Protein backbone atom coordinates (compact mmCIF):
# COMPACT_ATOMS: atom_id res chain seq x y z
CA MET A 1 8.41 12.93 6.80
CA ALA A 2 11.64 11.21 6.03
CA GLY A 3 13.08 12.18 9.42
CA ASN A 4 10.16 10.85 11.34
CA LEU A 5 10.26 7.63 9.31
CA ARG A 6 13.92 7.43 10.24
CA ALA A 7 13.35 7.74 13.88
CA PHE A 8 10.61 5.15 14.02
CA ILE A 9 13.08 2.68 12.09
CA ALA A 10 15.61 3.54 14.76
CA GLU A 11 13.36 2.88 17.59
CA PHE A 12 12.26 -0.46 16.17
CA LEU A 13 15.77 -1.61 15.60
CA GLY A 14 17.37 -0.21 18.74
CA THR A 15 14.80 -1.78 20.97
CA PHE A 16 14.96 -4.94 19.12
CA GLY A 17 18.72 -5.00 19.70
CA TRP A 18 18.52 -4.01 23.48
CA VAL A 19 16.06 -6.85 24.16
CA PHE A 20 17.66 -9.57 21.82
CA LEU A 21 21.13 -9.01 23.34
CA ALA A 22 20.02 -8.63 27.11
CA ALA A 23 17.36 -11.35 27.03
CA GLY A 24 19.40 -13.63 24.74
CA ALA A 25 22.53 -13.48 27.43
CA VAL A 26 19.96 -14.84 29.90
CA CYS A 27 19.16 -17.67 27.51
CA THR A 28 22.59 -18.43 26.63
CA ASP A 29 23.54 -18.45 30.30
CA ALA A 30 20.74 -20.96 30.99
CA ALA A 31 21.40 -23.05 27.96
CA THR A 32 25.11 -23.28 28.87
CA ARG A 33 24.54 -24.12 32.61
CA GLY A 34 25.68 -20.83 33.80
CA SER A 35 28.73 -20.32 31.58
CA LEU A 36 28.25 -16.37 31.51
CA GLY A 37 27.24 -16.02 35.13
CA PRO A 38 25.63 -12.98 36.64
CA ILE A 39 28.55 -10.79 35.76
CA GLY A 40 28.61 -11.91 32.13
CA VAL A 41 24.99 -11.33 31.83
CA ALA A 42 25.31 -7.91 33.47
CA LEU A 43 28.15 -7.05 30.94
CA ALA A 44 26.05 -8.06 28.03
CA GLN A 45 23.27 -5.86 28.86
CA GLY A 46 25.65 -2.90 29.22
CA LEU A 47 27.50 -3.36 26.21
CA ALA A 48 24.21 -3.84 24.32
CA VAL A 49 22.50 -0.68 25.55
CA ALA A 50 25.88 1.09 24.61
CA ALA A 51 26.01 -0.27 21.25
CA VAL A 52 22.41 0.65 20.41
CA PHE A 53 22.62 4.18 21.89
CA GLY A 54 26.07 4.51 19.92
CA MET A 55 24.59 3.07 16.40
CA LEU A 56 21.14 4.51 16.71
CA GLY A 57 21.03 7.19 19.37
CA ARG A 58 21.23 10.34 17.02
CA PHE A 59 18.08 9.15 15.04
CA SER A 60 16.13 8.34 18.30
CA THR A 61 13.70 10.45 19.76
CA GLY A 62 12.45 7.96 22.26
CA TYR A 63 15.62 6.43 23.57
CA PHE A 64 14.37 2.86 22.68
CA ASN A 65 12.28 2.69 25.93
CA PRO A 66 8.76 3.22 26.40
CA ALA A 67 9.27 4.46 29.96
CA LEU A 68 11.68 7.13 28.74
CA THR A 69 9.32 8.13 25.80
CA LEU A 70 6.39 8.56 27.78
CA ALA A 71 8.20 10.58 30.41
CA LEU A 72 9.61 12.93 27.73
CA ALA A 73 6.00 13.42 26.73
CA ALA A 74 4.68 14.00 30.08
CA ALA A 75 7.38 16.56 30.59
CA ARG A 76 6.69 18.22 27.23
CA ARG A 77 9.78 17.49 25.54
CA THR A 78 7.98 15.66 22.89
CA ASP A 79 4.28 15.44 21.57
CA TRP A 80 1.87 12.86 22.58
CA GLY A 81 1.48 11.52 19.20
CA ARG A 82 5.06 10.92 18.26
CA ALA A 83 5.53 9.31 21.49
CA ALA A 84 2.80 6.69 20.94
CA LEU A 85 4.23 5.98 17.66
CA SER A 86 7.72 5.63 19.05
CA VAL A 87 6.23 3.33 21.83
CA GLY A 88 4.38 1.09 19.14
CA CYS A 89 7.66 0.85 17.19
CA GLN A 90 9.57 -0.18 20.37
CA LEU A 91 6.97 -2.81 21.38
CA LEU A 92 7.02 -4.20 18.02
CA GLY A 93 10.62 -4.52 17.97
CA ALA A 94 10.63 -5.98 21.34
CA ALA A 95 8.09 -8.53 20.44
CA CYS A 96 10.24 -9.65 17.35
CA ALA A 97 13.25 -10.00 19.47
CA GLY A 98 11.35 -12.19 21.74
CA LEU A 99 9.94 -14.32 18.88
CA LEU A 100 13.20 -14.63 17.54
CA LEU A 101 14.76 -16.00 20.65
CA ALA A 102 11.92 -18.39 20.95
CA GLN A 103 12.96 -19.90 17.47
CA LEU A 104 16.70 -19.97 18.24
CA PHE A 105 16.40 -21.49 21.86
CA ALA A 106 13.31 -23.74 21.52
CA ALA A 107 15.10 -27.01 21.27
CA VAL A 108 17.03 -26.35 24.67
CA LEU A 109 14.93 -23.83 26.40
CA PRO A 110 11.11 -24.52 26.15
CA PRO A 111 9.49 -20.78 26.13
CA ALA A 112 6.90 -22.02 28.88
CA GLU A 113 9.74 -23.13 31.26
CA ALA A 114 12.36 -20.97 33.24
CA PRO A 115 14.05 -18.57 32.25
CA TYR A 116 11.05 -17.83 29.87
CA LEU A 117 13.24 -16.58 27.19
CA GLY A 118 14.91 -14.06 29.57
CA THR A 119 11.55 -12.48 30.87
CA PRO A 120 12.45 -10.44 34.03
CA LEU A 121 10.91 -11.64 37.26
CA PRO A 122 11.27 -10.24 40.82
CA THR A 123 13.04 -12.90 42.93
CA GLY A 124 12.87 -12.55 46.78
CA LEU A 125 11.22 -9.11 46.71
CA GLY A 126 7.61 -8.10 47.05
CA PHE A 127 5.89 -5.81 44.50
CA ARG A 128 6.74 -2.57 46.33
CA ALA A 129 10.35 -3.40 46.72
CA ALA A 130 11.00 -4.60 43.21
CA THR A 131 9.18 -1.71 41.91
CA LEU A 132 10.99 0.76 43.68
CA LEU A 133 14.20 -0.92 42.74
CA GLU A 134 13.42 -0.77 39.12
CA ALA A 135 12.38 2.93 39.63
CA VAL A 136 15.47 4.00 41.31
CA LEU A 137 17.62 2.08 38.76
CA THR A 138 15.78 3.49 35.75
CA PHE A 139 16.13 6.95 37.12
CA PHE A 140 19.88 6.78 36.75
CA LEU A 141 19.74 5.34 33.41
CA ALA A 142 17.42 8.00 32.23
CA LEU A 143 19.60 10.65 33.61
CA ALA A 144 22.39 9.18 31.72
CA ALA A 145 20.31 9.18 28.48
CA LEU A 146 18.82 12.62 29.08
CA GLY A 147 21.04 14.84 31.01
CA GLY A 148 23.97 16.85 29.43
CA THR A 149 22.78 18.76 26.55
CA GLY A 150 26.35 19.18 25.28
CA ARG A 151 27.35 15.52 25.47
CA SER A 152 28.70 13.79 22.49
CA ALA A 153 26.94 10.91 21.03
CA ALA A 154 29.80 8.50 21.88
CA GLY A 155 29.92 10.03 25.63
CA ARG A 156 26.11 9.34 25.82
CA ALA A 157 26.43 5.93 24.71
CA VAL A 158 29.09 4.97 27.11
CA LEU A 159 27.29 6.53 30.09
CA VAL A 160 24.00 4.78 29.19
CA GLY A 161 25.71 1.33 28.76
CA ALA A 162 27.72 1.72 32.21
CA ALA A 163 24.44 2.66 33.83
CA ALA A 164 22.67 -0.42 32.42
CA GLY A 165 25.48 -2.70 33.25
CA ALA A 166 26.08 -1.43 36.89
CA ALA A 167 22.25 -1.69 37.32
CA ALA A 168 22.21 -5.31 36.09
CA LEU A 169 25.24 -5.97 38.42
CA MET A 170 23.33 -4.83 41.38
CA ALA A 171 19.93 -6.01 40.59
CA GLY A 172 19.88 -8.63 37.84
CA PRO A 173 19.40 -11.56 40.55
CA LEU A 174 16.64 -9.54 42.20
CA THR A 175 14.56 -8.08 39.47
CA GLY A 176 16.22 -8.84 36.04
CA ALA A 177 17.02 -5.18 36.00
CA ALA A 178 14.93 -4.34 32.96
CA LEU A 179 14.97 -0.74 33.32
CA ASN A 180 12.74 -0.85 30.18
CA PRO A 181 9.21 -2.14 29.87
CA ALA A 182 9.98 -3.23 26.33
CA ARG A 183 12.82 -5.22 27.78
CA ALA A 184 10.09 -7.25 29.82
CA PHE A 185 7.35 -7.22 27.09
CA GLY A 186 9.00 -8.84 24.27
CA PRO A 187 10.33 -12.21 25.89
CA ALA A 188 6.93 -12.23 27.71
CA VAL A 189 5.15 -12.07 24.31
CA ALA A 190 7.01 -15.15 23.08
CA SER A 191 6.89 -17.10 26.35
CA GLY A 192 3.40 -16.33 27.43
CA PHE A 193 4.86 -15.59 31.06
CA TRP A 194 3.42 -12.26 32.44
CA VAL A 195 3.83 -13.00 36.17
CA GLU A 196 4.15 -9.54 37.91
CA HIS A 197 4.74 -8.06 34.50
CA TYR A 198 3.39 -4.58 35.93
CA VAL A 199 6.58 -4.16 37.84
CA TYR A 200 8.40 -3.18 34.64
CA TRP A 201 5.67 -0.39 33.82
CA PHE A 202 5.25 1.01 36.96
CA GLY A 203 8.89 1.10 38.33
CA PRO A 204 10.62 2.22 34.98
CA GLY A 205 7.90 4.71 34.38
CA ALA A 206 8.21 6.39 37.64
CA GLY A 207 11.91 6.61 37.75
CA ALA A 208 12.09 7.81 34.03
CA ALA A 209 9.42 10.53 34.84
CA LEU A 210 11.42 11.87 37.67
CA ALA A 211 14.36 11.91 35.60
CA ALA A 212 12.65 13.84 32.84
CA PHE A 213 11.24 16.55 34.90
CA LEU A 214 14.67 16.98 36.74
CA THR A 215 16.53 17.38 33.43
CA ARG A 216 14.28 19.83 32.00
CA PHE A 217 13.31 22.06 34.95
CA VAL A 218 16.64 21.83 37.01
CA PHE A 219 19.65 20.14 35.19
CA ASP A 220 19.10 21.80 31.80
CA LYS A 221 18.49 25.41 33.21
CA PRO A 222 21.24 27.76 32.38
């Protein structure tokens, strides 16, 4: 019981940190008129993800990401009840992060105006292209998180952070490189901006599912 509680607290805190730091970098960049730039925002996301996995990854069973959690359940690497509770904790953590960003930046960035507290939005891409891009990027993020059964916690944190940072460098200006439904959900709750929100469930969900099945049936086989 204590182990389950610890895992759910880790999911809440880890997702809160991921969303708060990644979306917060977008808010800071907008509030300071581009002082971070796309490279700075991407670096912030990569470091945030690496830090979260490094600090809390050993307690997590859902990897702070509803897409990865549900993919693990679909691949029978965790049970559906535990996955549902993990997703609930992740979405709660994301919503709290978004609401805190709303309080911090309300005076300079009204939530109902761009960048909508860092809520990702496809720019210049249609629904299919944006969804496919998020799926491909999340696939490699999930491989970094799920693959390599003998990898150390520190090594996994570095790889996942590198995958998240590289994805943000490549696709940040196009889709926001959310790679995580909670990353889109938290700021959207606080800003009320839900335009094309489904992209950030369908894309990461498909990419994470493919990675989960490959790691279980191909890469983790002796």
